[in-house]
Amino acid sequence: MRLTQRAAKTGTLVLVVAGLGGAVLHSLPEPADHVVRPTVERDLDTWSMPLDGYAQPGWSETGYAESLLDQSCLRDVGIDFPVPWATYAGLQADSVADETPERGNDAPALDWSRPLSRAAAADLGYHRPSARGANRDGWRQWAEDPEHNAAFDRADRSAVDRCSERSRRALGTDDDGGAQGASMTAKRLTHLAADEARRDPAVVTAAARWRTCLAPHAPSALPEDPHGMPTGPMRQAFGISGLALPVTKAEIALAEHDLACQQSSGYREALYEAQWSRLLHVTATDAAVLTAARPDQLAVADRVATTIERLAPEAPEGVD
């Protein structure tokens, strides 16, 4: 089952030059004085943020959904090579793993701008979701198959292009560049807002209460705030670094205590409020990029997910 976010009743970006009394993204090179109307409704459980409607789904799941839709059309032009199996969850995990802030990416996947979720804590502790279901090896073999490539070489190029265009139109991924620009901007600003929100005085104060709450349950010294969890020693103890080990009951117990302390200390609510408020104002430059696209990417993501669930070959038993 996948979590979805409800789009705001009006997803239009409203731009007004305003005198700000609230917090803004101070690190930007120009004033963030353009007001943004949120593209989604507030929801602390899903950690929805004002610009989420602009963030495109990941490349792995999007490319796979397009290939699934291409198949029937390509068969008509002499290219009959079924797409290998993959799962939506695995493809989504693969996309998130490819879009990390650690690789110098200033617009990482939105998952990196969100704290630990209840479902993740209960199922995986601090481990990241497995990308095994992306079936990268199967995809590579399929893409590099000499007969597959020869069939493409023989086919009429304009006919192949029409197949691709039809699939992208059906999904809503036929972007002229505007949607991608808005997506990168939305993810960058959301990541910046998350970083600055952790330094908000109310959030820092709540983090101290979180430490007091979690200390009796922690196997080693705690970081300054939940963003630093798990620490290096914890990652080694739980087998998260290097060759990943299976999730243990001890790891899940700590993650659930961590989440409970975030909630009881007021940290989670304070962080959400601070991050949300920082995304209600953007610069004129960023506003221009956002207004060049429609904030309809949650609907695109739903179409991508539905297409994969409907058309993908069955995965091997035990693969999510």
C-alpha atoms as a PDB file:
ATOM      1  CA  MET A   1       0.000   0.000   0.000  1.00  0.00           C
ATOM      2  CA  ARG A   2       1.392   3.392  -0.859  1.00  0.00           C
ATOM      3  CA  LEU A   3       0.860   6.637   1.020  1.00  0.00           C
ATOM      4  CA  THR A   4      -0.615   9.453  -1.007  1.00  0.00           C
ATOM      5  CA  GLN A   5      -1.014  13.135  -0.278  1.00  0.00           C
ATOM      6  CA  ARG A   6      -4.143  15.130  -0.923  1.00  0.00           C
ATOM      7  CA  ALA A   7      -3.620  18.008  -3.303  1.00  0.00           C
ATOM      8  CA  ALA A   8      -4.815  21.375  -2.116  1.00  0.00           C
ATOM      9  CA  LYS A   9      -8.181  22.440  -3.510  1.00  0.00           C
ATOM     10  CA  THR A  10      -6.391  25.026  -5.549  1.00  0.00           C
ATOM     11  CA  GLY A  11      -2.884  24.182  -6.656  1.00  0.00           C
ATOM     12  CA  THR A  12      -2.102  27.543  -8.197  1.00  0.00           C
ATOM     13  CA  LEU A  13       0.994  29.421  -7.195  1.00  0.00           C
ATOM     14  CA  VAL A  14       0.030  32.866  -5.914  1.00  0.00           C
ATOM     15  CA  LEU A  15       2.737  35.480  -6.132  1.00  0.00           C
ATOM     16  CA  VAL A  16       2.543  38.630  -4.060  1.00  0.00           C
ATOM     17  CA  VAL A  17       5.338  40.874  -2.935  1.00  0.00           C
ATOM     18  CA  ALA A  18       4.920  41.003   0.832  1.00  0.00           C
ATOM     19  CA  GLY A  19       6.570  42.404   3.941  1.00  0.00           C
ATOM     20  CA  LEU A  20       7.486  39.254   5.834  1.00  0.00           C
ATOM     21  CA  GLY A  21       6.959  38.855   9.537  1.00  0.00           C
ATOM     22  CA  GLY A  22       7.794  35.131   9.547  1.00  0.00           C
ATOM     23  CA  ALA A  23      10.855  33.037   8.870  1.00  0.00           C
ATOM     24  CA  VAL A  24      12.324  32.805   5.375  1.00  0.00           C
ATOM     25  CA  LEU A  25      15.261  31.062   3.716  1.00  0.00           C
ATOM     26  CA  HIS A  26      17.992  33.502   4.685  1.00  0.00           C
ATOM     27  CA  SER A  27      20.734  31.706   2.764  1.00  0.00           C
ATOM     28  CA  LEU A  28      19.294  32.620  -0.637  1.00  0.00           C
ATOM     29  CA  PRO A  29      21.071  35.343  -2.657  1.00  0.00           C
ATOM     30  CA  GLU A  30      17.911  37.437  -3.108  1.00  0.00           C
ATOM     31  CA  PRO A  31      15.015  38.159  -0.758  1.00  0.00           C
ATOM     32  CA  ALA A  32      12.388  35.457  -0.434  1.00  0.00           C
ATOM     33  CA  ASP A  33       9.485  37.894  -0.628  1.00  0.00           C
ATOM     34  CA  HIS A  34       7.068  36.130  -2.967  1.00  0.00           C
ATOM     35  CA  VAL A  35       4.244  34.315  -1.192  1.00  0.00           C
ATOM     36  CA  VAL A  36       3.418  30.764  -2.266  1.00  0.00           C
ATOM     37  CA  ARG A  37       0.023  29.127  -1.955  1.00  0.00           C
ATOM     38  CA  PRO A  38       0.668  25.492  -0.884  1.00  0.00           C
ATOM     39  CA  THR A  39       0.085  22.806  -3.512  1.00  0.00           C
ATOM     40  CA  VAL A  40      -0.972  20.217  -0.898  1.00  0.00           C
ATOM     41  CA  GLU A  41      -2.848  20.207   2.366  1.00  0.00           C
ATOM     42  CA  ARG A  42      -0.936  20.159   5.642  1.00  0.00           C
ATOM     43  CA  ASP A  43      -0.442  16.611   6.931  1.00  0.00           C
ATOM     44  CA  LEU A  44       2.140  15.907   9.600  1.00  0.00           C
ATOM     45  CA  ASP A  45       1.779  12.120   9.183  1.00  0.00           C
ATOM     46  CA  THR A  46       2.859  12.156   5.505  1.00  0.00           C
ATOM     47  CA  TRP A  47       5.099  15.208   6.086  1.00  0.00           C
ATOM     48  CA  SER A  48       3.523  17.053   3.179  1.00  0.00           C
ATOM     49  CA  MET A  49       5.209  20.332   2.255  1.00  0.00           C
ATOM     50  CA  PRO A  50       3.973  23.365   0.263  1.00  0.00           C
ATOM     51  CA  LEU A  51       5.927  22.629  -2.930  1.00  0.00           C
ATOM     52  CA  ASP A  52       5.330  18.857  -3.074  1.00  0.00           C
ATOM     53  CA  GLY A  53       2.983  19.237  -6.044  1.00  0.00           C
ATOM     54  CA  TYR A  54       5.931  20.268  -8.217  1.00  0.00           C
ATOM     55  CA  ALA A  55       8.247  17.354  -7.320  1.00  0.00           C
ATOM     56  CA  GLN A  56       8.343  14.783 -10.114  1.00  0.00           C
ATOM     57  CA  PRO A  57       8.324  11.060  -9.323  1.00  0.00           C
ATOM     58  CA  GLY A  58      11.717   9.334  -9.477  1.00  0.00           C
ATOM     59  CA  TRP A  59      13.473   8.418 -12.701  1.00  0.00           C
ATOM     60  CA  SER A  60      13.461   4.671 -12.009  1.00  0.00           C
ATOM     61  CA  GLU A  61       9.699   4.291 -11.627  1.00  0.00           C
ATOM     62  CA  THR A  62       8.920   6.841 -14.349  1.00  0.00           C
ATOM     63  CA  GLY A  63      11.183   5.194 -16.941  1.00  0.00           C
ATOM     64  CA  TYR A  64       9.832   1.761 -16.102  1.00  0.00           C
ATOM     65  CA  ALA A  65       6.194   2.865 -16.394  1.00  0.00           C
ATOM     66  CA  GLU A  66       6.920   4.474 -19.773  1.00  0.00           C
ATOM     67  CA  SER A  67       8.561   1.256 -21.008  1.00  0.00           C
ATOM     68  CA  LEU A  68       5.558  -0.798 -19.893  1.00  0.00           C
ATOM     69  CA  LEU A  69       3.201   1.449 -21.861  1.00  0.00           C
ATOM     70  CA  ASP A  70       5.521   1.410 -24.887  1.00  0.00           C
ATOM     71  CA  GLN A  71       5.282  -2.371 -25.288  1.00  0.00           C
ATOM     72  CA  SER A  72       2.021  -2.794 -27.206  1.00  0.00           C
ATOM     73  CA  CYS A  73       2.878   0.036 -29.577  1.00  0.00           C
ATOM     74  CA  LEU A  74       6.416  -1.238 -30.179  1.00  0.00           C
ATOM     75  CA  ARG A  75       5.136  -4.714 -31.006  1.00  0.00           C
ATOM     76  CA  ASP A  76       3.227  -3.169 -33.906  1.00  0.00           C
ATOM     77  CA  VAL A  77       6.497  -1.832 -35.347  1.00  0.00           C
ATOM     78  CA  GLY A  78       8.377  -5.121 -34.956  1.00  0.00           C
ATOM     79  CA  ILE A  79       9.966  -4.725 -31.503  1.00  0.00           C
ATOM     80  CA  ASP A  80       8.630  -7.491 -29.283  1.00  0.00           C
ATOM     81  CA  PHE A  81      10.840  -7.774 -26.193  1.00  0.00           C
ATOM     82  CA  PRO A  82       8.810  -7.823 -22.953  1.00  0.00           C
ATOM     83  CA  VAL A  83      10.025  -5.555 -20.175  1.00  0.00           C
ATOM     84  CA  PRO A  84      11.535  -7.482 -17.216  1.00  0.00           C
ATOM     85  CA  TRP A  85       9.826  -7.632 -13.833  1.00  0.00           C
ATOM     86  CA  ALA A  86      10.194  -4.879 -11.254  1.00  0.00           C
ATOM     87  CA  THR A  87       8.203  -3.641  -8.271  1.00  0.00           C
ATOM     88  CA  TYR A  88       7.008  -0.128  -7.561  1.00  0.00           C
ATOM     89  CA  ALA A  89       8.496  -0.172  -4.055  1.00  0.00           C
ATOM     90  CA  GLY A  90      11.871  -1.335  -5.353  1.00  0.00           C
ATOM     91  CA  LEU A  91      11.947   1.250  -8.130  1.00  0.00           C
ATOM     92  CA  GLN A  92      10.995   4.015  -5.714  1.00  0.00           C
ATOM     93  CA  ALA A  93      13.772   2.946  -3.307  1.00  0.00           C
ATOM     94  CA  ASP A  94      16.208   2.895  -6.237  1.00  0.00           C
ATOM     95  CA  SER A  95      15.288   6.469  -7.195  1.00  0.00           C
ATOM     96  CA  VAL A  96      15.674   7.719  -3.622  1.00  0.00           C
ATOM     97  CA  ALA A  97      19.074   6.003  -3.321  1.00  0.00           C
ATOM     98  CA  ASP A  98      20.188   7.735  -6.526  1.00  0.00           C
ATOM     99  CA  GLU A  99      19.073  11.196  -5.363  1.00  0.00           C
ATOM    100  CA  THR A 100      20.914  11.615  -2.081  1.00  0.00           C
ATOM    101  CA  PRO A 101      22.320  14.865  -0.629  1.00  0.00           C
ATOM    102  CA  GLU A 102      25.582  13.037   0.136  1.00  0.00           C
ATOM    103  CA  ARG A 103      26.494  13.042  -3.556  1.00  0.00           C
ATOM    104  CA  GLY A 104      26.631  16.826  -3.738  1.00  0.00           C
ATOM    105  CA  ASN A 105      23.062  16.991  -4.986  1.00  0.00           C
ATOM    106  CA  ASP A 106      21.386  20.176  -3.719  1.00  0.00           C
ATOM    107  CA  ALA A 107      17.949  18.930  -4.850  1.00  0.00           C
ATOM    108  CA  PRO A 108      17.701  15.425  -3.360  1.00  0.00           C
ATOM    109  CA  ALA A 109      14.581  13.282  -3.347  1.00  0.00           C
ATOM    110  CA  LEU A 110      11.941  14.548  -0.922  1.00  0.00           C
ATOM    111  CA  ASP A 111      12.440  11.497   1.300  1.00  0.00           C
ATOM    112  CA  TRP A 112      15.767  12.989   2.416  1.00  0.00           C
ATOM    113  CA  SER A 113      13.945  16.099   3.698  1.00  0.00           C
ATOM    114  CA  ARG A 114      11.566  14.101   5.902  1.00  0.00           C
ATOM    115  CA  PRO A 115      12.122  12.593   9.359  1.00  0.00           C
ATOM    116  CA  LEU A 116      11.679   8.956  10.306  1.00  0.00           C
ATOM    117  CA  SER A 117       8.123   7.766   9.677  1.00  0.00           C
ATOM    118  CA  ARG A 118       6.041   5.481  11.870  1.00  0.00           C
ATOM    119  CA  ALA A 119       5.823   2.780   9.165  1.00  0.00           C
ATOM    120  CA  ALA A 120       9.574   2.851   8.491  1.00  0.00           C
ATOM    121  CA  ALA A 121      10.431   2.638  12.198  1.00  0.00           C
ATOM    122  CA  ALA A 122       8.129  -0.370  12.700  1.00  0.00           C
ATOM    123  CA  ASP A 123       9.230  -2.268   9.580  1.00  0.00           C
ATOM    124  CA  LEU A 124      12.847  -1.310   8.974  1.00  0.00           C
ATOM    125  CA  GLY A 125      14.161   0.544  11.995  1.00  0.00           C
ATOM    126  CA  TYR A 126      16.781   2.867  10.513  1.00  0.00           C
ATOM    127  CA  HIS A 127      17.511   0.762   7.425  1.00  0.00           C
ATOM    128  CA  ARG A 128      16.610   2.271   4.066  1.00  0.00           C
ATOM    129  CA  PRO A 129      14.008   0.408   1.938  1.00  0.00           C
ATOM    130  CA  SER A 130      15.517  -2.275  -0.277  1.00  0.00           C
ATOM    131  CA  ALA A 131      15.994  -1.500  -3.973  1.00  0.00           C
ATOM    132  CA  ARG A 132      16.133  -5.202  -4.842  1.00  0.00           C
ATOM    133  CA  GLY A 133      12.731  -4.910  -6.489  1.00  0.00           C
ATOM    134  CA  ALA A 134      14.150  -2.487  -9.075  1.00  0.00           C
ATOM    135  CA  ASN A 135      15.745  -5.551 -10.732  1.00  0.00           C
ATOM    136  CA  ARG A 136      18.678  -3.543 -12.064  1.00  0.00           C
ATOM    137  CA  ASP A 137      20.458  -6.638 -13.399  1.00  0.00           C
ATOM    138  CA  GLY A 138      17.378  -7.755 -15.324  1.00  0.00           C
ATOM    139  CA  TRP A 139      16.874  -4.257 -16.712  1.00  0.00           C
ATOM    140  CA  ARG A 140      20.515  -4.027 -17.811  1.00  0.00           C
ATOM    141  CA  GLN A 141      20.383  -7.405 -19.572  1.00  0.00           C
ATOM    142  CA  TRP A 142      17.168  -6.400 -21.327  1.00  0.00           C
ATOM    143  CA  ALA A 143      18.547  -3.033 -22.455  1.00  0.00           C
ATOM    144  CA  GLU A 144      21.837  -4.527 -23.662  1.00  0.00           C
ATOM    145  CA  ASP A 145      20.360  -7.553 -25.462  1.00  0.00           C
ATOM    146  CA  PRO A 146      21.883  -7.500 -29.002  1.00  0.00           C
ATOM    147  CA  GLU A 147      18.681  -8.771 -30.620  1.00  0.00           C
ATOM    148  CA  HIS A 148      16.653  -6.166 -28.773  1.00  0.00           C
ATOM    149  CA  ASN A 149      18.931  -3.388 -29.990  1.00  0.00           C
ATOM    150  CA  ALA A 150      18.988  -4.777 -33.527  1.00  0.00           C
ATOM    151  CA  ALA A 151      15.183  -4.678 -33.594  1.00  0.00           C
ATOM    152  CA  PHE A 152      15.298  -0.989 -32.655  1.00  0.00           C
ATOM    153  CA  ASP A 153      17.853  -0.337 -35.404  1.00  0.00           C
ATOM    154  CA  ARG A 154      15.587  -1.971 -38.000  1.00  0.00           C
ATOM    155  CA  ALA A 155      12.430  -0.186 -36.900  1.00  0.00           C
ATOM    156  CA  ASP A 156      11.195   3.082 -38.329  1.00  0.00           C
ATOM    157  CA  ARG A 157      12.571   5.756 -36.011  1.00  0.00           C
ATOM    158  CA  SER A 158       9.579   8.065 -36.333  1.00  0.00           C
ATOM    159  CA  ALA A 159       7.239   5.188 -35.448  1.00  0.00           C
ATOM    160  CA  VAL A 160       9.325   4.370 -32.358  1.00  0.00           C
ATOM    161  CA  ASP A 161       9.266   8.024 -31.318  1.00  0.00           C
ATOM    162  CA  ARG A 162       5.486   8.121 -31.652  1.00  0.00           C
ATOM    163  CA  CYS A 163       5.228   5.136 -29.295  1.00  0.00           C
ATOM    164  CA  SER A 164       7.326   6.957 -26.705  1.00  0.00           C
ATOM    165  CA  GLU A 165       5.390  10.190 -27.122  1.00  0.00           C
ATOM    166  CA  ARG A 166       2.078   8.391 -26.678  1.00  0.00           C
ATOM    167  CA  SER A 167       3.217   6.729 -23.458  1.00  0.00           C
ATOM    168  CA  ARG A 168       4.557   9.939 -21.989  1.00  0.00           C
ATOM    169  CA  ARG A 169       1.346  11.802 -22.821  1.00  0.00           C
ATOM    170  CA  ALA A 170      -0.684   9.084 -21.104  1.00  0.00           C
ATOM    171  CA  LEU A 171       1.377   9.372 -17.942  1.00  0.00           C
ATOM    172  CA  GLY A 172       1.801  13.132 -18.043  1.00  0.00           C
ATOM    173  CA  THR A 173       5.594  12.886 -18.265  1.00  0.00           C
ATOM    174  CA  ASP A 174       5.810  14.677 -21.634  1.00  0.00           C
ATOM    175  CA  ASP A 175       7.759  17.579 -20.170  1.00  0.00           C
ATOM    176  CA  ASP A 176       9.242  20.385 -22.258  1.00  0.00           C
ATOM    177  CA  GLY A 177      11.700  21.179 -19.462  1.00  0.00           C
ATOM    178  CA  GLY A 178       9.472  23.434 -17.379  1.00  0.00           C
ATOM    179  CA  ALA A 179       8.227  20.657 -15.092  1.00  0.00           C
ATOM    180  CA  GLN A 180      11.736  19.349 -14.513  1.00  0.00           C
ATOM    181  CA  GLY A 181      12.991  22.819 -13.621  1.00  0.00           C
ATOM    182  CA  ALA A 182      10.135  23.337 -11.188  1.00  0.00           C
ATOM    183  CA  SER A 183      10.745  19.892  -9.688  1.00  0.00           C
ATOM    184  CA  MET A 184      14.419  20.577  -9.063  1.00  0.00           C
ATOM    185  CA  THR A 185      13.558  23.953  -7.543  1.00  0.00           C
ATOM    186  CA  ALA A 186      10.891  22.469  -5.272  1.00  0.00           C
ATOM    187  CA  LYS A 187      13.205  19.712  -4.031  1.00  0.00           C
ATOM    188  CA  ARG A 188      16.081  22.146  -3.477  1.00  0.00           C
ATOM    189  CA  LEU A 189      13.954  24.591  -1.506  1.00  0.00           C
ATOM    190  CA  THR A 190      12.370  21.791   0.537  1.00  0.00           C
ATOM    191  CA  HIS A 191      15.817  20.447   1.413  1.00  0.00           C
ATOM    192  CA  LEU A 192      17.023  23.937   2.394  1.00  0.00           C
ATOM    193  CA  ALA A 193      13.918  24.493   4.507  1.00  0.00           C
ATOM    194  CA  ALA A 194      14.426  21.181   6.320  1.00  0.00           C
ATOM    195  CA  ASP A 195      18.026  22.099   7.092  1.00  0.00           C
ATOM    196  CA  GLU A 196      17.155  25.565   8.390  1.00  0.00           C
ATOM    197  CA  ALA A 197      14.147  24.325  10.354  1.00  0.00           C
ATOM    198  CA  ARG A 198      16.415  22.160  12.501  1.00  0.00           C
ATOM    199  CA  ARG A 199      18.111  25.364  13.718  1.00  0.00           C
ATOM    200  CA  ASP A 200      14.839  27.083  14.647  1.00  0.00           C
ATOM    201  CA  PRO A 201      14.903  27.986  18.393  1.00  0.00           C
ATOM    202  CA  ALA A 202      11.673  26.097  19.136  1.00  0.00           C
ATOM    203  CA  VAL A 203      13.027  23.009  17.359  1.00  0.00           C
ATOM    204  CA  VAL A 204      16.387  23.182  19.184  1.00  0.00           C
ATOM    205  CA  THR A 205      14.593  23.426  22.532  1.00  0.00           C
ATOM    206  CA  ALA A 206      12.386  20.433  21.670  1.00  0.00           C
ATOM    207  CA  ALA A 207      15.462  18.458  20.582  1.00  0.00           C
ATOM    208  CA  ALA A 208      16.886  18.810  24.102  1.00  0.00           C
ATOM    209  CA  ARG A 209      13.678  17.283  25.499  1.00  0.00           C
ATOM    210  CA  TRP A 210      13.950  14.492  22.902  1.00  0.00           C
ATOM    211  CA  ARG A 211      17.467  13.647  24.131  1.00  0.00           C
ATOM    212  CA  THR A 212      16.290  13.442  27.735  1.00  0.00           C
ATOM    213  CA  CYS A 213      13.409  11.188  26.691  1.00  0.00           C
ATOM    214  CA  LEU A 214      15.472   8.798  24.534  1.00  0.00           C
ATOM    215  CA  ALA A 215      18.656   8.623  26.657  1.00  0.00           C
ATOM    216  CA  PRO A 216      17.489   5.692  28.851  1.00  0.00           C
ATOM    217  CA  HIS A 217      16.850   3.594  25.735  1.00  0.00           C
ATOM    218  CA  ALA A 218      19.956   4.499  23.703  1.00  0.00           C
ATOM    219  CA  PRO A 219      22.812   1.967  23.433  1.00  0.00           C
ATOM    220  CA  SER A 220      25.375   4.777  23.059  1.00  0.00           C
ATOM    221  CA  ALA A 221      25.691   8.580  23.094  1.00  0.00           C
ATOM    222  CA  LEU A 222      22.920  10.477  21.302  1.00  0.00           C
ATOM    223  CA  PRO A 223      23.389  13.210  18.676  1.00  0.00           C
ATOM    224  CA  GLU A 224      22.156  16.765  19.201  1.00  0.00           C
ATOM    225  CA  ASP A 225      18.868  16.078  17.428  1.00  0.00           C
ATOM    226  CA  PRO A 226      16.967  13.239  15.706  1.00  0.00           C
ATOM    227  CA  HIS A 227      18.476  14.125  12.317  1.00  0.00           C
ATOM    228  CA  GLY A 228      21.737  12.616  13.551  1.00  0.00           C
ATOM    229  CA  MET A 229      20.145   9.214  14.178  1.00  0.00           C
ATOM    230  CA  PRO A 230      21.434   6.629  13.977  1.00  0.00           C
ATOM    231  CA  THR A 231      24.942   7.668  15.002  1.00  0.00           C
ATOM    232  CA  GLY A 232      28.054   6.055  13.540  1.00  0.00           C
ATOM    233  CA  PRO A 233      28.436   3.541  16.406  1.00  0.00           C
ATOM    234  CA  MET A 234      24.730   2.675  16.162  1.00  0.00           C
ATOM    235  CA  ARG A 235      25.008   2.145  12.406  1.00  0.00           C
ATOM    236  CA  GLN A 236      27.884  -0.263  12.953  1.00  0.00           C
ATOM    237  CA  ALA A 237      26.083  -2.091  15.756  1.00  0.00           C
ATOM    238  CA  PHE A 238      22.924  -2.499  13.676  1.00  0.00           C
ATOM    239  CA  GLY A 239      24.760  -3.423  10.473  1.00  0.00           C
ATOM    240  CA  ILE A 240      23.494  -0.429   8.509  1.00  0.00           C
ATOM    241  CA  SER A 241      26.890   0.686   7.163  1.00  0.00           C
ATOM    242  CA  GLY A 242      28.874  -1.332   4.611  1.00  0.00           C
ATOM    243  CA  LEU A 243      27.463  -4.819   4.064  1.00  0.00           C
ATOM    244  CA  ALA A 244      23.948  -4.321   5.398  1.00  0.00           C
ATOM    245  CA  LEU A 245      22.697  -6.882   7.911  1.00  0.00           C
ATOM    246  CA  PRO A 246      19.049  -7.829   8.521  1.00  0.00           C
ATOM    247  CA  VAL A 247      16.972  -5.525  10.685  1.00  0.00           C
ATOM    248  CA  THR A 248      17.016  -6.586  14.346  1.00  0.00           C
ATOM    249  CA  LYS A 249      14.376  -6.277  17.060  1.00  0.00           C
ATOM    250  CA  ALA A 250      16.762  -4.031  19.010  1.00  0.00           C
ATOM    251  CA  GLU A 251      17.031  -1.617  16.084  1.00  0.00           C
ATOM    252  CA  ILE A 252      13.261  -1.480  15.595  1.00  0.00           C
ATOM    253  CA  ALA A 253      12.737  -0.943  19.333  1.00  0.00           C
ATOM    254  CA  LEU A 254      15.168   1.992  19.366  1.00  0.00           C
ATOM    255  CA  ALA A 255      13.615   3.519  16.238  1.00  0.00           C
ATOM    256  CA  GLU A 256      10.140   3.291  17.757  1.00  0.00           C
ATOM    257  CA  HIS A 257      11.357   4.838  21.030  1.00  0.00           C
ATOM    258  CA  ASP A 258      13.055   7.559  18.965  1.00  0.00           C
ATOM    259  CA  LEU A 259       9.808   8.353  17.151  1.00  0.00           C
ATOM    260  CA  ALA A 260       7.779   8.292  20.381  1.00  0.00           C
ATOM    261  CA  CYS A 261      10.218  10.743  21.983  1.00  0.00           C
ATOM    262  CA  GLN A 262      10.071  13.018  18.923  1.00  0.00           C
ATOM    263  CA  GLN A 263       6.322  13.187  19.395  1.00  0.00           C
ATOM    264  CA  SER A 264       6.152  13.510  23.200  1.00  0.00           C
ATOM    265  CA  SER A 265       8.883  16.186  23.265  1.00  0.00           C
ATOM    266  CA  GLY A 266       7.063  18.315  20.717  1.00  0.00           C
ATOM    267  CA  TYR A 267      10.041  18.033  18.367  1.00  0.00           C
ATOM    268  CA  ARG A 268       8.110  16.592  15.468  1.00  0.00           C
ATOM    269  CA  GLU A 269       5.372  19.213  15.523  1.00  0.00           C
ATOM    270  CA  ALA A 270       7.858  22.076  15.966  1.00  0.00           C
ATOM    271  CA  LEU A 271      10.010  20.829  13.098  1.00  0.00           C
ATOM    272  CA  TYR A 272       7.014  20.446  10.808  1.00  0.00           C
ATOM    273  CA  GLU A 273       5.784  23.954  11.555  1.00  0.00           C
ATOM    274  CA  ALA A 274       9.253  25.472  11.036  1.00  0.00           C
ATOM    275  CA  GLN A 275       9.860  23.658   7.749  1.00  0.00           C
ATOM    276  CA  TRP A 276       6.377  24.377   6.368  1.00  0.00           C
ATOM    277  CA  SER A 277       6.551  28.096   7.203  1.00  0.00           C
ATOM    278  CA  ARG A 278       9.927  28.485   5.489  1.00  0.00           C
ATOM    279  CA  LEU A 279       8.430  27.237   2.225  1.00  0.00           C
ATOM    280  CA  LEU A 280       5.645  29.805   2.091  1.00  0.00           C
ATOM    281  CA  HIS A 281       7.988  32.459   0.651  1.00  0.00           C
ATOM    282  CA  VAL A 282      10.357  32.122  -2.305  1.00  0.00           C
ATOM    283  CA  THR A 283      12.545  34.457  -4.338  1.00  0.00           C
ATOM    284  CA  ALA A 284      11.392  36.082  -7.574  1.00  0.00           C
ATOM    285  CA  THR A 285      13.798  33.836  -9.503  1.00  0.00           C
ATOM    286  CA  ASP A 286      12.419  30.636  -7.965  1.00  0.00           C
ATOM    287  CA  ALA A 287       8.842  31.864  -8.345  1.00  0.00           C
ATOM    288  CA  ALA A 288       9.411  32.340 -12.081  1.00  0.00           C
ATOM    289  CA  VAL A 289      10.613  28.726 -12.400  1.00  0.00           C
ATOM    290  CA  LEU A 290       7.678  27.365 -10.419  1.00  0.00           C
ATOM    291  CA  THR A 291       5.041  29.316 -12.339  1.00  0.00           C
ATOM    292  CA  ALA A 292       6.358  27.845 -15.605  1.00  0.00           C
ATOM    293  CA  ALA A 293       4.908  24.452 -14.560  1.00  0.00           C
ATOM    294  CA  ARG A 294       1.691  23.019 -13.163  1.00  0.00           C
ATOM    295  CA  PRO A 295       1.811  21.588  -9.613  1.00  0.00           C
ATOM    296  CA  ASP A 296       0.296  18.301 -10.794  1.00  0.00           C
ATOM    297  CA  GLN A 297       3.094  15.854 -10.049  1.00  0.00           C
ATOM    298  CA  LEU A 298       1.249  13.964  -7.304  1.00  0.00           C
ATOM    299  CA  ALA A 299      -1.301  12.946  -9.939  1.00  0.00           C
ATOM    300  CA  VAL A 300       1.535  11.969 -12.298  1.00  0.00           C
ATOM    301  CA  ALA A 301       3.097   9.859  -9.533  1.00  0.00           C
ATOM    302  CA  ASP A 302      -0.231   8.097  -8.978  1.00  0.00           C
ATOM    303  CA  ARG A 303      -0.512   7.290 -12.700  1.00  0.00           C
ATOM    304  CA  VAL A 304       3.047   5.963 -12.726  1.00  0.00           C
ATOM    305  CA  ALA A 305       2.375   3.750  -9.683  1.00  0.00           C
ATOM    306  CA  THR A 306      -0.943   2.479 -11.068  1.00  0.00           C
ATOM    307  CA  THR A 307       0.656   1.646 -14.429  1.00  0.00           C
ATOM    308  CA  ILE A 308       3.413  -0.373 -12.771  1.00  0.00           C
ATOM    309  CA  GLU A 309       1.011  -2.229 -10.499  1.00  0.00           C
ATOM    310  CA  ARG A 310      -1.238  -3.026 -13.468  1.00  0.00           C
ATOM    311  CA  LEU A 311       1.275  -3.977 -16.172  1.00  0.00           C
ATOM    312  CA  ALA A 312       4.515  -5.117 -14.542  1.00  0.00           C
ATOM    313  CA  PRO A 313       5.374  -8.830 -14.754  1.00  0.00           C
ATOM    314  CA  GLU A 314       5.091 -10.657 -11.445  1.00  0.00           C
ATOM    315  CA  ALA A 315       8.199 -10.387  -9.285  1.00  0.00           C
ATOM    316  CA  PRO A 316       9.858 -13.425  -7.728  1.00  0.00           C
ATOM    317  CA  GLU A 317       8.368 -14.553  -4.439  1.00  0.00           C
ATOM    318  CA  GLY A 318       9.623 -12.561  -1.467  1.00  0.00           C
ATOM    319  CA  VAL A 319      10.651  -9.468  -3.449  1.00  0.00           C
ATOM    320  CA  ASP A 320       8.856  -6.228  -2.555  1.00  0.00           C
END
